Amino acid sequence: MGPARWRTMSANTALDPIVEDVLQAQEPAPAVLTGPRSSFNAVLARYGMYLSVFGLLLIVLTVAWQVFGRYVLHNPPTWAESLALLLVLYVTLIAAAVGVRDAGHIGMESLLAIAPERIRVALERVIHAMVAFFGSAMVYNGWLLGASVAHYKISGLGLSEGLRYVPLVISGTLIVLFSIEHIIASLRSLEVKPSWH
C-alpha cells in the first residue's frame, strides 16, 4: 500500500470504530520520580553526556591531527595517541554511567519480560543494587589504583598516570547515584525520567 493510499485511508472518517479507537489510543505517560535528587541526577546525566560528546569531538580532532602530522607533515605529534587513549576512557566511562540512569545500557530482559509483575519488580531492584555495588567497587578500586600510579607520568603527555583512573571514580560515583535513584523510584512504583526528554 503506497503512501498516497495510506493518507486517504487515514483521512477517511468512515473507518471501523475499533480501528479508530486503536489509532486514537495513547498509552498514558508513566508516573515519574520527581524531587531534588532526581533533578540533580538529571542535570548530572545531561552534563555528563555533553562532556562525553565534547570528548568524542576532541578524540576525532586529535586523531585527525595525528594522521595529518604523520602523512602530510611527516612529523607525527608524539602526544596525540596518548591524549586520544586518555579521552577514550573519559568518554566511555562517563557515557556508560549516563546510560545507567537513562536505561540505555545493554540488558538481557527476556527473563524479566516473562516474569510475573512482583518478581519482575523484585529482580529489577536486585539488578540496580548489584549495579550500585559494582559502581562502588569502581570508585574504591579506581581510587586505590590511581593513587598507586599517581607519581608516574603518561608517556608523551607528561601528565600523572593517576588521570587514567579519574574517570573510573567519576563513573562509579555516578553509577551509584543513578542506581539509588532507580531503586527509590521502584520502591515508590515510579519511573526515572530520562534526562534527554
N, C-alpha and C. Protein backbone atom coordinates (compact mmCIF):
# COMPACT_ATOMS: atom_id res chain seq x y z
N MET A 1 0.85 -1.16 0.00
CA MET A 1 0.00 0.00 0.00
C MET A 1 0.90 1.23 0.00
N GLY A 2 0.74 2.09 -0.99
CA GLY A 2 1.59 3.27 -1.13
C GLY A 2 1.22 4.36 -0.14
N PRO A 3 2.10 5.35 0.00
CA PRO A 3 1.87 6.44 0.95
C PRO A 3 0.61 7.24 0.63
N ALA A 4 0.33 7.44 -0.66
CA ALA A 4 -0.86 8.23 -1.02
C ALA A 4 -2.12 7.51 -0.57
N ARG A 5 -2.18 6.20 -0.76
CA ARG A 5 -3.35 5.43 -0.34
C ARG A 5 -3.49 5.48 1.19
N TRP A 6 -2.39 5.42 1.91
CA TRP A 6 -2.45 5.47 3.37
C TRP A 6 -3.02 6.81 3.83
N ARG A 7 -2.62 7.91 3.18
CA ARG A 7 -3.15 9.21 3.58
C ARG A 7 -4.66 9.28 3.36
N THR A 8 -5.12 8.72 2.25
CA THR A 8 -6.56 8.77 2.01
C THR A 8 -7.30 7.89 3.01
N MET A 9 -6.69 6.78 3.41
CA MET A 9 -7.35 5.92 4.40
C MET A 9 -7.42 6.61 5.75
N SER A 10 -6.33 7.26 6.17
CA SER A 10 -6.35 7.88 7.48
C SER A 10 -7.22 9.12 7.49
N ALA A 11 -7.40 9.75 6.33
CA ALA A 11 -8.27 10.92 6.27
C ALA A 11 -9.74 10.51 6.20
N ASN A 12 -10.00 9.27 5.83
CA ASN A 12 -11.36 8.77 5.72
C ASN A 12 -11.95 8.60 7.12
N THR A 13 -13.09 9.25 7.35
CA THR A 13 -13.72 9.17 8.67
C THR A 13 -14.62 7.95 8.80
N ALA A 14 -14.78 7.17 7.75
CA ALA A 14 -15.66 6.02 7.80
C ALA A 14 -14.91 4.74 8.15
N LEU A 15 -13.85 4.84 8.93
CA LEU A 15 -13.11 3.65 9.35
C LEU A 15 -13.91 2.88 10.39
N ASP A 16 -13.58 1.64 10.52
CA ASP A 16 -14.17 0.78 11.53
C ASP A 16 -13.96 1.43 12.90
N PRO A 17 -14.97 1.47 13.76
CA PRO A 17 -14.82 2.11 15.08
C PRO A 17 -13.69 1.51 15.92
N ILE A 18 -13.46 0.22 15.79
CA ILE A 18 -12.37 -0.41 16.55
C ILE A 18 -11.03 0.12 16.06
N VAL A 19 -10.89 0.27 14.75
CA VAL A 19 -9.65 0.81 14.18
C VAL A 19 -9.47 2.25 14.64
N GLU A 20 -10.54 3.02 14.66
CA GLU A 20 -10.47 4.41 15.14
C GLU A 20 -9.98 4.46 16.58
N ASP A 21 -10.52 3.56 17.42
CA ASP A 21 -10.09 3.53 18.83
C ASP A 21 -8.60 3.21 18.95
N VAL A 22 -8.14 2.26 18.14
CA VAL A 22 -6.73 1.88 18.18
C VAL A 22 -5.86 3.04 17.70
N LEU A 23 -6.28 3.71 16.63
CA LEU A 23 -5.50 4.82 16.09
C LEU A 23 -5.43 5.99 17.07
N GLN A 24 -6.50 6.21 17.81
CA GLN A 24 -6.53 7.36 18.71
C GLN A 24 -6.04 7.04 20.12
N ALA A 25 -5.91 5.76 20.41
CA ALA A 25 -5.48 5.38 21.76
C ALA A 25 -4.03 5.79 21.98
N GLN A 26 -3.82 6.36 23.13
CA GLN A 26 -2.46 6.72 23.51
C GLN A 26 -2.17 6.11 24.86
N GLU A 27 -0.98 5.57 24.95
CA GLU A 27 -0.58 4.97 26.21
C GLU A 27 -0.36 6.09 27.22
N PRO A 28 -0.92 5.97 28.42
CA PRO A 28 -0.71 7.03 29.40
C PRO A 28 0.75 7.12 29.81
N ALA A 29 1.20 8.33 30.02
CA ALA A 29 2.58 8.53 30.44
C ALA A 29 2.78 7.94 31.83
N PRO A 30 3.88 7.22 32.04
CA PRO A 30 4.12 6.63 33.36
C PRO A 30 4.43 7.72 34.38
N ALA A 31 4.06 7.46 35.63
CA ALA A 31 4.38 8.41 36.70
C ALA A 31 5.89 8.38 36.91
N VAL A 32 6.47 9.57 37.02
CA VAL A 32 7.93 9.66 37.13
C VAL A 32 8.33 10.21 38.49
N LEU A 33 9.53 9.82 38.89
CA LEU A 33 10.11 10.29 40.13
C LEU A 33 10.48 11.76 39.99
N THR A 34 10.09 12.56 40.97
CA THR A 34 10.43 13.98 40.96
C THR A 34 11.11 14.32 42.28
N GLY A 35 11.60 15.52 42.36
CA GLY A 35 12.24 15.96 43.59
C GLY A 35 13.67 16.41 43.33
N PRO A 36 14.30 16.94 44.37
CA PRO A 36 15.65 17.49 44.19
C PRO A 36 16.69 16.45 43.78
N ARG A 37 16.60 15.23 44.32
CA ARG A 37 17.58 14.20 43.96
C ARG A 37 17.46 13.85 42.48
N SER A 38 16.23 13.68 42.01
CA SER A 38 16.03 13.34 40.61
C SER A 38 16.45 14.48 39.69
N SER A 39 16.14 15.71 40.08
CA SER A 39 16.55 16.87 39.28
C SER A 39 18.07 16.98 39.23
N PHE A 40 18.71 16.77 40.37
CA PHE A 40 20.18 16.83 40.44
C PHE A 40 20.80 15.76 39.55
N ASN A 41 20.26 14.53 39.63
CA ASN A 41 20.78 13.44 38.80
C ASN A 41 20.54 13.70 37.32
N ALA A 42 19.40 14.30 36.98
CA ALA A 42 19.13 14.61 35.58
C ALA A 42 20.15 15.61 35.04
N VAL A 43 20.49 16.61 35.85
CA VAL A 43 21.50 17.59 35.44
C VAL A 43 22.86 16.92 35.30
N LEU A 44 23.22 16.07 36.26
CA LEU A 44 24.49 15.34 36.16
C LEU A 44 24.55 14.49 34.89
N ALA A 45 23.46 13.80 34.60
CA ALA A 45 23.43 12.94 33.42
C ALA A 45 23.53 13.76 32.14
N ARG A 46 22.80 14.86 32.09
CA ARG A 46 22.83 15.70 30.89
C ARG A 46 24.23 16.27 30.66
N TYR A 47 24.84 16.83 31.70
CA TYR A 47 26.17 17.40 31.52
C TYR A 47 27.23 16.32 31.34
N GLY A 48 27.00 15.15 31.90
CA GLY A 48 27.90 14.03 31.65
C GLY A 48 27.89 13.64 30.18
N MET A 49 26.70 13.65 29.58
CA MET A 49 26.63 13.34 28.15
C MET A 49 27.22 14.46 27.31
N TYR A 50 26.99 15.71 27.70
CA TYR A 50 27.63 16.83 26.99
C TYR A 50 29.15 16.67 27.03
N LEU A 51 29.67 16.34 28.19
CA LEU A 51 31.12 16.15 28.35
C LEU A 51 31.61 15.00 27.48
N SER A 52 30.85 13.93 27.41
CA SER A 52 31.24 12.79 26.58
C SER A 52 31.22 13.14 25.10
N VAL A 53 30.22 13.88 24.67
CA VAL A 53 30.15 14.29 23.27
C VAL A 53 31.32 15.22 22.94
N PHE A 54 31.62 16.16 23.83
CA PHE A 54 32.76 17.05 23.63
C PHE A 54 34.06 16.25 23.59
N GLY A 55 34.20 15.26 24.47
CA GLY A 55 35.38 14.41 24.47
C GLY A 55 35.51 13.62 23.18
N LEU A 56 34.38 13.16 22.65
CA LEU A 56 34.40 12.43 21.39
C LEU A 56 34.87 13.34 20.26
N LEU A 57 34.41 14.56 20.27
CA LEU A 57 34.87 15.54 19.28
C LEU A 57 36.38 15.76 19.41
N LEU A 58 36.87 15.88 20.63
CA LEU A 58 38.31 16.04 20.84
C LEU A 58 39.10 14.82 20.35
N ILE A 59 38.54 13.63 20.54
CA ILE A 59 39.21 12.42 20.04
C ILE A 59 39.34 12.48 18.53
N VAL A 60 38.24 12.84 17.86
CA VAL A 60 38.27 12.92 16.40
C VAL A 60 39.30 13.94 15.93
N LEU A 61 39.31 15.12 16.56
CA LEU A 61 40.27 16.15 16.18
C LEU A 61 41.71 15.72 16.46
N THR A 62 41.93 15.07 17.59
CA THR A 62 43.27 14.61 17.94
C THR A 62 43.79 13.56 16.96
N VAL A 63 42.94 12.59 16.64
CA VAL A 63 43.35 11.54 15.70
C VAL A 63 43.54 12.13 14.30
N ALA A 64 42.67 13.06 13.91
CA ALA A 64 42.83 13.71 12.60
C ALA A 64 44.16 14.46 12.54
N TRP A 65 44.50 15.17 13.62
CA TRP A 65 45.78 15.89 13.65
C TRP A 65 46.95 14.91 13.60
N GLN A 66 46.81 13.78 14.26
CA GLN A 66 47.88 12.79 14.24
C GLN A 66 48.08 12.24 12.83
N VAL A 67 46.98 11.92 12.15
CA VAL A 67 47.07 11.41 10.78
C VAL A 67 47.65 12.47 9.85
N PHE A 68 47.19 13.71 9.99
CA PHE A 68 47.72 14.81 9.17
C PHE A 68 49.21 14.99 9.43
N GLY A 69 49.61 14.96 10.69
CA GLY A 69 51.02 15.12 11.01
C GLY A 69 51.88 13.99 10.46
N ARG A 70 51.34 12.78 10.50
CA ARG A 70 52.13 11.63 10.05
C ARG A 70 52.25 11.58 8.53
N TYR A 71 51.13 11.77 7.82
CA TYR A 71 51.15 11.54 6.38
C TYR A 71 51.36 12.80 5.54
N VAL A 72 51.07 13.96 6.09
CA VAL A 72 51.26 15.19 5.33
C VAL A 72 52.53 15.91 5.77
N LEU A 73 52.68 16.10 7.06
CA LEU A 73 53.84 16.82 7.57
C LEU A 73 55.05 15.90 7.79
N HIS A 74 54.82 14.59 7.78
CA HIS A 74 55.87 13.59 8.05
C HIS A 74 56.55 13.85 9.39
N ASN A 75 55.78 14.36 10.34
CA ASN A 75 56.27 14.64 11.68
C ASN A 75 55.11 14.45 12.66
N PRO A 76 54.78 13.20 13.00
CA PRO A 76 53.59 12.97 13.84
C PRO A 76 53.77 13.53 15.25
N PRO A 77 52.72 14.12 15.79
CA PRO A 77 52.80 14.61 17.17
C PRO A 77 52.92 13.43 18.13
N THR A 78 53.82 13.54 19.07
CA THR A 78 54.05 12.43 20.00
C THR A 78 52.97 12.32 21.06
N TRP A 79 52.24 13.37 21.30
CA TRP A 79 51.24 13.41 22.36
C TRP A 79 49.86 12.94 21.91
N ALA A 80 49.60 12.90 20.59
CA ALA A 80 48.24 12.69 20.09
C ALA A 80 47.67 11.33 20.47
N GLU A 81 48.44 10.27 20.31
CA GLU A 81 47.92 8.95 20.63
C GLU A 81 47.62 8.80 22.12
N SER A 82 48.50 9.30 22.96
CA SER A 82 48.29 9.21 24.41
C SER A 82 47.06 10.01 24.83
N LEU A 83 46.88 11.19 24.23
CA LEU A 83 45.71 12.01 24.56
C LEU A 83 44.43 11.33 24.10
N ALA A 84 44.44 10.77 22.89
CA ALA A 84 43.24 10.08 22.38
C ALA A 84 42.86 8.91 23.28
N LEU A 85 43.85 8.14 23.71
CA LEU A 85 43.56 7.00 24.59
C LEU A 85 43.02 7.46 25.95
N LEU A 86 43.55 8.54 26.47
CA LEU A 86 43.06 9.08 27.74
C LEU A 86 41.62 9.58 27.59
N LEU A 87 41.34 10.26 26.48
CA LEU A 87 39.99 10.77 26.25
C LEU A 87 38.98 9.64 26.07
N VAL A 88 39.41 8.53 25.46
CA VAL A 88 38.51 7.38 25.29
C VAL A 88 38.01 6.89 26.65
N LEU A 89 38.89 6.87 27.64
CA LEU A 89 38.49 6.45 28.98
C LEU A 89 37.41 7.36 29.55
N TYR A 90 37.60 8.67 29.42
CA TYR A 90 36.63 9.62 29.94
C TYR A 90 35.29 9.49 29.21
N VAL A 91 35.35 9.45 27.88
CA VAL A 91 34.12 9.39 27.08
C VAL A 91 33.32 8.13 27.39
N THR A 92 33.97 6.98 27.35
CA THR A 92 33.22 5.73 27.51
C THR A 92 32.70 5.53 28.92
N LEU A 93 33.50 5.83 29.91
CA LEU A 93 33.06 5.58 31.28
C LEU A 93 31.96 6.54 31.73
N ILE A 94 32.08 7.81 31.37
CA ILE A 94 31.04 8.76 31.77
C ILE A 94 29.75 8.50 30.99
N ALA A 95 29.87 8.21 29.69
CA ALA A 95 28.67 7.90 28.91
C ALA A 95 28.01 6.61 29.41
N ALA A 96 28.79 5.64 29.84
CA ALA A 96 28.22 4.41 30.39
C ALA A 96 27.43 4.69 31.67
N ALA A 97 27.94 5.59 32.50
CA ALA A 97 27.21 5.95 33.72
C ALA A 97 25.89 6.62 33.38
N VAL A 98 25.90 7.49 32.38
CA VAL A 98 24.66 8.14 31.95
C VAL A 98 23.69 7.09 31.41
N GLY A 99 24.22 6.08 30.73
CA GLY A 99 23.38 5.00 30.23
C GLY A 99 22.69 4.24 31.34
N VAL A 100 23.31 4.16 32.50
CA VAL A 100 22.67 3.50 33.65
C VAL A 100 21.44 4.29 34.08
N ARG A 101 21.55 5.60 34.13
CA ARG A 101 20.40 6.41 34.55
C ARG A 101 19.29 6.40 33.51
N ASP A 102 19.66 6.56 32.26
CA ASP A 102 18.66 6.68 31.21
C ASP A 102 18.27 5.35 30.59
N ALA A 103 18.67 4.25 31.24
CA ALA A 103 18.33 2.89 30.80
C ALA A 103 18.77 2.65 29.37
N GLY A 104 19.93 3.18 29.01
CA GLY A 104 20.46 2.98 27.68
C GLY A 104 21.49 1.88 27.62
N HIS A 105 21.70 1.19 28.72
CA HIS A 105 22.70 0.13 28.75
C HIS A 105 22.09 -1.17 28.23
N ILE A 106 22.95 -2.07 27.87
CA ILE A 106 22.52 -3.36 27.33
C ILE A 106 22.06 -4.24 28.48
N GLY A 107 20.93 -4.87 28.29
CA GLY A 107 20.42 -5.76 29.32
C GLY A 107 19.69 -6.93 28.69
N MET A 108 19.76 -8.07 29.34
CA MET A 108 19.02 -9.23 28.87
C MET A 108 17.69 -9.25 29.61
N GLU A 109 16.66 -8.78 28.95
CA GLU A 109 15.38 -8.58 29.60
C GLU A 109 14.37 -9.67 29.30
N SER A 110 14.78 -10.74 28.64
CA SER A 110 13.81 -11.78 28.29
C SER A 110 13.22 -12.43 29.54
N LEU A 111 14.03 -12.66 30.56
CA LEU A 111 13.53 -13.24 31.80
C LEU A 111 12.58 -12.27 32.50
N LEU A 112 12.94 -11.00 32.51
CA LEU A 112 12.07 -10.00 33.15
C LEU A 112 10.74 -9.87 32.42
N ALA A 113 10.76 -10.00 31.10
CA ALA A 113 9.54 -9.82 30.32
C ALA A 113 8.51 -10.91 30.60
N ILE A 114 8.96 -12.12 30.90
CA ILE A 114 8.00 -13.21 31.12
C ILE A 114 7.69 -13.43 32.60
N ALA A 115 8.40 -12.75 33.47
CA ALA A 115 8.18 -12.93 34.91
C ALA A 115 6.91 -12.20 35.36
N PRO A 116 6.25 -12.73 36.38
CA PRO A 116 5.11 -12.01 36.96
C PRO A 116 5.56 -10.65 37.50
N GLU A 117 4.62 -9.74 37.61
CA GLU A 117 4.92 -8.35 37.99
C GLU A 117 5.73 -8.24 39.28
N ARG A 118 5.32 -8.93 40.33
CA ARG A 118 6.03 -8.82 41.62
C ARG A 118 7.47 -9.32 41.51
N ILE A 119 7.66 -10.42 40.81
CA ILE A 119 9.01 -10.97 40.64
C ILE A 119 9.85 -10.04 39.77
N ARG A 120 9.23 -9.50 38.71
CA ARG A 120 9.95 -8.58 37.82
C ARG A 120 10.44 -7.37 38.59
N VAL A 121 9.58 -6.78 39.40
CA VAL A 121 9.96 -5.59 40.18
C VAL A 121 11.08 -5.94 41.16
N ALA A 122 10.95 -7.09 41.83
CA ALA A 122 12.00 -7.51 42.78
C ALA A 122 13.33 -7.73 42.07
N LEU A 123 13.28 -8.38 40.90
CA LEU A 123 14.51 -8.61 40.14
C LEU A 123 15.14 -7.29 39.68
N GLU A 124 14.31 -6.34 39.26
CA GLU A 124 14.85 -5.03 38.85
C GLU A 124 15.55 -4.34 40.02
N ARG A 125 14.98 -4.45 41.21
CA ARG A 125 15.62 -3.84 42.38
C ARG A 125 16.95 -4.52 42.69
N VAL A 126 16.98 -5.84 42.59
CA VAL A 126 18.23 -6.57 42.83
C VAL A 126 19.27 -6.18 41.79
N ILE A 127 18.86 -6.06 40.55
CA ILE A 127 19.79 -5.66 39.48
C ILE A 127 20.36 -4.28 39.76
N HIS A 128 19.51 -3.33 40.13
CA HIS A 128 20.00 -1.98 40.43
C HIS A 128 20.93 -1.98 41.65
N ALA A 129 20.63 -2.82 42.63
CA ALA A 129 21.51 -2.91 43.80
C ALA A 129 22.87 -3.49 43.41
N MET A 130 22.86 -4.49 42.53
CA MET A 130 24.13 -5.07 42.07
C MET A 130 24.93 -4.07 41.25
N VAL A 131 24.24 -3.29 40.42
CA VAL A 131 24.92 -2.26 39.63
C VAL A 131 25.52 -1.20 40.56
N ALA A 132 24.78 -0.83 41.61
CA ALA A 132 25.30 0.14 42.58
C ALA A 132 26.54 -0.42 43.28
N PHE A 133 26.50 -1.70 43.63
CA PHE A 133 27.66 -2.33 44.25
C PHE A 133 28.86 -2.30 43.31
N PHE A 134 28.62 -2.60 42.04
CA PHE A 134 29.68 -2.56 41.04
C PHE A 134 30.24 -1.15 40.92
N GLY A 135 29.35 -0.14 40.92
CA GLY A 135 29.81 1.25 40.86
C GLY A 135 30.67 1.62 42.05
N SER A 136 30.28 1.15 43.24
CA SER A 136 31.09 1.45 44.43
C SER A 136 32.44 0.75 44.36
N ALA A 137 32.49 -0.45 43.77
CA ALA A 137 33.78 -1.13 43.57
C ALA A 137 34.65 -0.36 42.59
N MET A 138 34.02 0.24 41.58
CA MET A 138 34.77 1.08 40.63
C MET A 138 35.40 2.27 41.35
N VAL A 139 34.62 2.91 42.22
CA VAL A 139 35.13 4.07 42.96
C VAL A 139 36.30 3.66 43.84
N TYR A 140 36.11 2.63 44.63
CA TYR A 140 37.13 2.20 45.58
C TYR A 140 38.42 1.78 44.87
N ASN A 141 38.28 0.88 43.92
CA ASN A 141 39.48 0.37 43.24
C ASN A 141 40.10 1.40 42.31
N GLY A 142 39.28 2.24 41.70
CA GLY A 142 39.83 3.32 40.88
C GLY A 142 40.66 4.28 41.70
N TRP A 143 40.17 4.58 42.91
CA TRP A 143 40.91 5.46 43.82
C TRP A 143 42.25 4.83 44.21
N LEU A 144 42.21 3.55 44.60
CA LEU A 144 43.44 2.86 45.00
C LEU A 144 44.45 2.77 43.85
N LEU A 145 43.97 2.37 42.69
CA LEU A 145 44.88 2.24 41.55
C LEU A 145 45.43 3.59 41.11
N GLY A 146 44.57 4.61 41.10
CA GLY A 146 45.03 5.95 40.73
C GLY A 146 46.08 6.48 41.67
N ALA A 147 45.87 6.25 42.96
CA ALA A 147 46.84 6.71 43.96
C ALA A 147 48.16 5.95 43.84
N SER A 148 48.09 4.68 43.45
CA SER A 148 49.32 3.88 43.37
C SER A 148 50.20 4.25 42.19
N VAL A 149 49.63 4.87 41.15
CA VAL A 149 50.43 5.23 39.97
C VAL A 149 50.50 6.74 39.75
N ALA A 150 50.03 7.51 40.72
CA ALA A 150 49.95 8.96 40.55
C ALA A 150 51.31 9.61 40.31
N HIS A 151 52.37 9.03 40.82
CA HIS A 151 53.69 9.65 40.67
C HIS A 151 54.35 9.31 39.33
N TYR A 152 53.76 8.40 38.54
CA TYR A 152 54.28 8.11 37.21
C TYR A 152 53.68 9.09 36.21
N LYS A 153 54.33 9.25 35.07
CA LYS A 153 53.87 10.17 34.03
C LYS A 153 53.37 9.39 32.82
N ILE A 154 52.33 9.93 32.17
CA ILE A 154 51.83 9.35 30.93
C ILE A 154 52.82 9.70 29.82
N SER A 155 53.28 8.69 29.12
CA SER A 155 54.25 8.89 28.05
C SER A 155 53.67 9.81 26.97
N GLY A 156 54.42 10.81 26.60
CA GLY A 156 54.00 11.72 25.54
C GLY A 156 53.21 12.91 26.04
N LEU A 157 52.62 12.81 27.21
CA LEU A 157 51.82 13.92 27.75
C LEU A 157 52.48 14.59 28.94
N GLY A 158 53.21 13.82 29.71
CA GLY A 158 53.84 14.36 30.91
C GLY A 158 52.87 14.59 32.05
N LEU A 159 51.66 14.06 31.93
CA LEU A 159 50.65 14.18 32.99
C LEU A 159 50.69 12.94 33.87
N SER A 160 50.12 13.05 35.05
CA SER A 160 50.11 11.94 36.00
C SER A 160 49.31 10.75 35.47
N GLU A 161 49.84 9.55 35.67
CA GLU A 161 49.12 8.32 35.31
C GLU A 161 47.81 8.20 36.09
N GLY A 162 47.73 8.87 37.23
CA GLY A 162 46.51 8.85 38.02
C GLY A 162 45.31 9.39 37.27
N LEU A 163 45.54 10.23 36.25
CA LEU A 163 44.44 10.78 35.46
C LEU A 163 43.69 9.70 34.69
N ARG A 164 44.33 8.58 34.45
CA ARG A 164 43.65 7.47 33.76
C ARG A 164 42.56 6.85 34.64
N TYR A 165 42.65 7.04 35.95
CA TYR A 165 41.71 6.41 36.87
C TYR A 165 40.64 7.37 37.38
N VAL A 166 40.79 8.65 37.08
CA VAL A 166 39.79 9.63 37.48
C VAL A 166 38.42 9.32 36.87
N PRO A 167 38.33 8.97 35.57
CA PRO A 167 37.00 8.67 35.03
C PRO A 167 36.37 7.43 35.65
N LEU A 168 37.19 6.51 36.13
CA LEU A 168 36.67 5.33 36.81
C LEU A 168 35.96 5.73 38.11
N VAL A 169 36.57 6.64 38.84
CA VAL A 169 35.98 7.12 40.10
C VAL A 169 34.73 7.95 39.81
N ILE A 170 34.80 8.84 38.82
CA ILE A 170 33.63 9.67 38.47
C ILE A 170 32.48 8.79 38.01
N SER A 171 32.77 7.87 37.10
CA SER A 171 31.73 7.00 36.57
C SER A 171 31.12 6.12 37.66
N GLY A 172 31.96 5.57 38.52
CA GLY A 172 31.44 4.75 39.61
C GLY A 172 30.53 5.52 40.54
N THR A 173 30.92 6.77 40.84
CA THR A 173 30.09 7.62 41.70
C THR A 173 28.74 7.89 41.04
N LEU A 174 28.76 8.21 39.75
CA LEU A 174 27.51 8.46 39.03
C LEU A 174 26.65 7.21 38.98
N ILE A 175 27.26 6.06 38.75
CA ILE A 175 26.51 4.81 38.70
C ILE A 175 25.82 4.53 40.03
N VAL A 176 26.52 4.77 41.13
CA VAL A 176 25.91 4.57 42.45
C VAL A 176 24.72 5.52 42.63
N LEU A 177 24.91 6.80 42.31
CA LEU A 177 23.82 7.78 42.45
C LEU A 177 22.61 7.40 41.59
N PHE A 178 22.88 7.02 40.35
CA PHE A 178 21.78 6.71 39.43
C PHE A 178 21.09 5.41 39.80
N SER A 179 21.82 4.43 40.29
CA SER A 179 21.20 3.17 40.71
C SER A 179 20.32 3.38 41.94
N ILE A 180 20.79 4.19 42.88
CA ILE A 180 19.97 4.50 44.06
C ILE A 180 18.69 5.20 43.63
N GLU A 181 18.79 6.10 42.66
CA GLU A 181 17.60 6.78 42.16
C GLU A 181 16.60 5.78 41.57
N HIS A 182 17.09 4.80 40.82
CA HIS A 182 16.20 3.78 40.25
C HIS A 182 15.56 2.93 41.35
N ILE A 183 16.31 2.61 42.38
CA ILE A 183 15.75 1.81 43.48
C ILE A 183 14.66 2.60 44.20
N ILE A 184 14.91 3.88 44.47
CA ILE A 184 13.90 4.73 45.13
C ILE A 184 12.65 4.82 44.26
N ALA A 185 12.83 5.02 42.95
CA ALA A 185 11.69 5.10 42.05
C ALA A 185 10.91 3.79 42.06
N SER A 186 11.60 2.67 42.07
CA SER A 186 10.93 1.37 42.09
C SER A 186 10.15 1.16 43.38
N LEU A 187 10.73 1.57 44.50
CA LEU A 187 10.03 1.43 45.78
C LEU A 187 8.76 2.28 45.83
N ARG A 188 8.74 3.37 45.09
CA ARG A 188 7.56 4.25 45.04
C ARG A 188 6.66 3.95 43.84
N SER A 189 6.95 2.87 43.12
CA SER A 189 6.20 2.49 41.91
C SER A 189 6.21 3.60 40.87
N LEU A 190 7.36 4.23 40.71
CA LEU A 190 7.54 5.30 39.74
C LEU A 190 8.66 4.91 38.78
N GLU A 191 8.86 5.75 37.78
CA GLU A 191 9.95 5.54 36.84
C GLU A 191 10.87 6.75 36.85
N VAL A 192 12.10 6.54 36.43
CA VAL A 192 13.05 7.64 36.29
C VAL A 192 12.91 8.19 34.89
N LYS A 193 12.64 9.49 34.81
CA LYS A 193 12.51 10.13 33.51
C LYS A 193 13.90 10.36 32.94
N PRO A 194 14.17 9.84 31.72
CA PRO A 194 15.48 10.06 31.11
C PRO A 194 15.77 11.55 30.96
N SER A 195 17.02 11.91 31.10
CA SER A 195 17.39 13.33 31.08
C SER A 195 17.35 13.91 29.68
N TRP A 196 17.09 13.11 28.67
CA TRP A 196 17.08 13.61 27.29
C TRP A 196 15.68 13.83 26.77
N HIS A 197 14.69 13.82 27.63
CA HIS A 197 13.31 14.04 27.17
C HIS A 197 12.73 15.28 27.81
